[in-house]
């Protein structure tokens, strides 16, 4: 990530499935799993380690993904994770978001 203390370290790639470690100042703080499609990117999972939560890391990584790919980001919000529900609710506040069906959403780039 240019001019940013974050780095996405590719750990596994199988076709359009990509898994990354999220590093902040050279320390692993979480993981990211993506499926890359021609018209959108699907976040299969973004996970920040407990000691690094609530510090804005996930928000900055997702914002970076939106700039990097320049196409819609889709995701499914886990209804089993209160922290995930709260995070995405806050993240969506000032974004253009479409509810595709159920718990699947699309972030639309402006």
Protein backbone atom coordinates (compact mmCIF):
# COMPACT_ATOMS: atom_id res chain seq x y z
CA UNK A 1 0.00 0.00 0.00
CA UNK A 2 1.65 3.18 -1.18
CA UNK A 3 2.55 5.72 1.53
CA UNK A 4 0.82 3.57 4.11
CA UNK A 5 2.09 1.49 7.05
CA UNK A 6 -0.06 -1.48 5.88
CA UNK A 7 1.03 -4.35 3.68
CA UNK A 8 -1.02 -7.21 2.25
CA UNK A 9 1.16 -10.32 2.17
CA UNK A 10 -0.18 -12.97 -0.20
CA UNK A 11 -0.25 -16.31 1.64
CA UNK A 12 -2.31 -18.43 -0.79
CA UNK A 13 -3.65 -18.11 -4.31
CA UNK A 14 -5.84 -20.62 -6.10
CA UNK A 15 -7.43 -19.28 -9.29
CA UNK A 16 -9.39 -16.19 -8.30
CA UNK A 17 -9.17 -16.97 -4.53
CA UNK A 18 -6.54 -14.91 -2.71
CA UNK A 19 -5.61 -15.04 0.98
CA UNK A 20 -3.47 -12.39 2.67
CA UNK A 21 -1.91 -11.57 6.00
CA UNK A 22 -2.53 -7.94 6.94
CA UNK A 23 0.65 -6.36 8.27
CA UNK A 24 0.92 -3.04 10.10
CA UNK A 25 4.42 -1.74 10.66
CA UNK A 26 5.77 -5.21 9.68
CA UNK A 27 3.60 -7.03 12.26
CA UNK A 28 0.75 -9.39 11.35
CA UNK A 29 -2.47 -7.88 12.69
CA UNK A 30 -5.04 -9.92 10.77
CA UNK A 31 -6.02 -11.75 7.64
CA UNK A 32 -8.01 -11.06 4.52
CA UNK A 33 -9.60 -13.52 2.10
CA UNK A 34 -10.81 -12.32 -1.29
CA UNK A 35 -12.42 -13.75 -4.39
CA UNK A 36 -11.55 -11.64 -7.43
CA UNK A 37 -14.24 -11.48 -10.13
CA UNK A 38 -14.13 -9.49 -13.36
CA UNK A 39 -16.83 -7.03 -12.23
CA UNK A 40 -16.38 -7.02 -8.45
CA UNK A 41 -14.24 -8.21 -5.53
CA UNK A 42 -15.85 -10.37 -2.85
CA UNK A 43 -14.49 -10.14 0.71
CA UNK A 44 -14.83 -13.68 2.02
CA UNK A 45 -13.37 -12.66 5.37
CA UNK A 46 -11.51 -9.85 7.02
CA UNK A 47 -10.27 -10.55 10.51
CA UNK A 48 -8.25 -8.32 12.81
CA UNK A 49 -6.54 -9.82 15.85
CA UNK A 50 -8.25 -8.89 19.12
CA UNK A 51 -5.45 -6.64 20.41
CA UNK A 52 -5.60 -4.54 17.19
CA UNK A 53 -9.40 -4.14 16.96
CA UNK A 54 -11.13 -0.76 17.32
CA UNK A 55 -8.06 1.10 16.00
CA UNK A 56 -9.29 1.71 12.44
CA UNK A 57 -7.19 -0.97 10.76
CA UNK A 58 -10.03 -2.80 8.96
CA UNK A 59 -11.52 0.48 7.73
CA UNK A 60 -8.20 1.57 6.22
CA UNK A 61 -7.60 -1.81 4.57
CA UNK A 62 -11.09 -1.85 3.01
CA UNK A 63 -10.73 1.75 1.82
CA UNK A 64 -7.43 0.75 0.22
CA UNK A 65 -9.05 -2.26 -1.53
CA UNK A 66 -11.73 0.01 -2.98
CA UNK A 67 -9.09 2.33 -4.42
CA UNK A 68 -6.85 -0.48 -5.62
CA UNK A 69 -9.48 -2.50 -7.49
CA UNK A 70 -11.71 0.40 -8.61
CA UNK A 71 -14.75 -1.86 -8.80
CA UNK A 72 -17.55 -2.73 -6.39
CA UNK A 73 -16.73 -4.71 -3.26
CA UNK A 74 -19.22 -7.35 -2.16
CA UNK A 75 -19.40 -9.10 1.20
CA UNK A 76 -21.61 -11.18 3.42
CA UNK A 77 -22.01 -10.03 7.02
CA UNK A 78 -21.89 -12.84 9.55
CA UNK A 79 -24.96 -12.75 11.75
CA UNK A 80 -23.03 -14.76 14.37
CA UNK A 81 -20.52 -11.97 15.04
CA UNK A 82 -21.76 -8.92 16.91
CA UNK A 83 -18.45 -7.16 16.31
CA UNK A 84 -18.76 -7.75 12.53
CA UNK A 85 -22.34 -6.46 12.50
CA UNK A 86 -21.35 -3.31 14.40
CA UNK A 87 -18.25 -2.74 12.28
CA UNK A 88 -20.09 -2.94 8.96
CA UNK A 89 -23.01 -0.86 10.23
CA UNK A 90 -20.56 1.92 11.09
CA UNK A 91 -18.53 1.47 7.90
CA UNK A 92 -21.66 1.74 5.72
CA UNK A 93 -22.82 5.04 7.28
CA UNK A 94 -21.20 7.37 4.72
CA UNK A 95 -20.90 4.93 1.80
CA UNK A 96 -23.09 4.02 -1.14
CA UNK A 97 -24.24 0.50 -0.30
CA UNK A 98 -26.74 -1.84 -1.92
CA UNK A 99 -28.31 -4.77 -0.09
CA UNK A 100 -28.23 -7.48 -2.77
CA UNK A 101 -30.10 -10.10 -0.74
CA UNK A 102 -30.14 -11.27 2.86
CA UNK A 103 -26.78 -10.40 4.44
CA UNK A 104 -24.96 -9.78 1.14
CA UNK A 105 -24.01 -6.17 0.37
CA UNK A 106 -22.24 -4.29 -2.38
CA UNK A 107 -20.09 -1.21 -1.76
CA UNK A 108 -20.35 0.95 -4.85
CA UNK A 109 -17.33 3.02 -5.80
CA UNK A 110 -18.04 6.67 -6.46
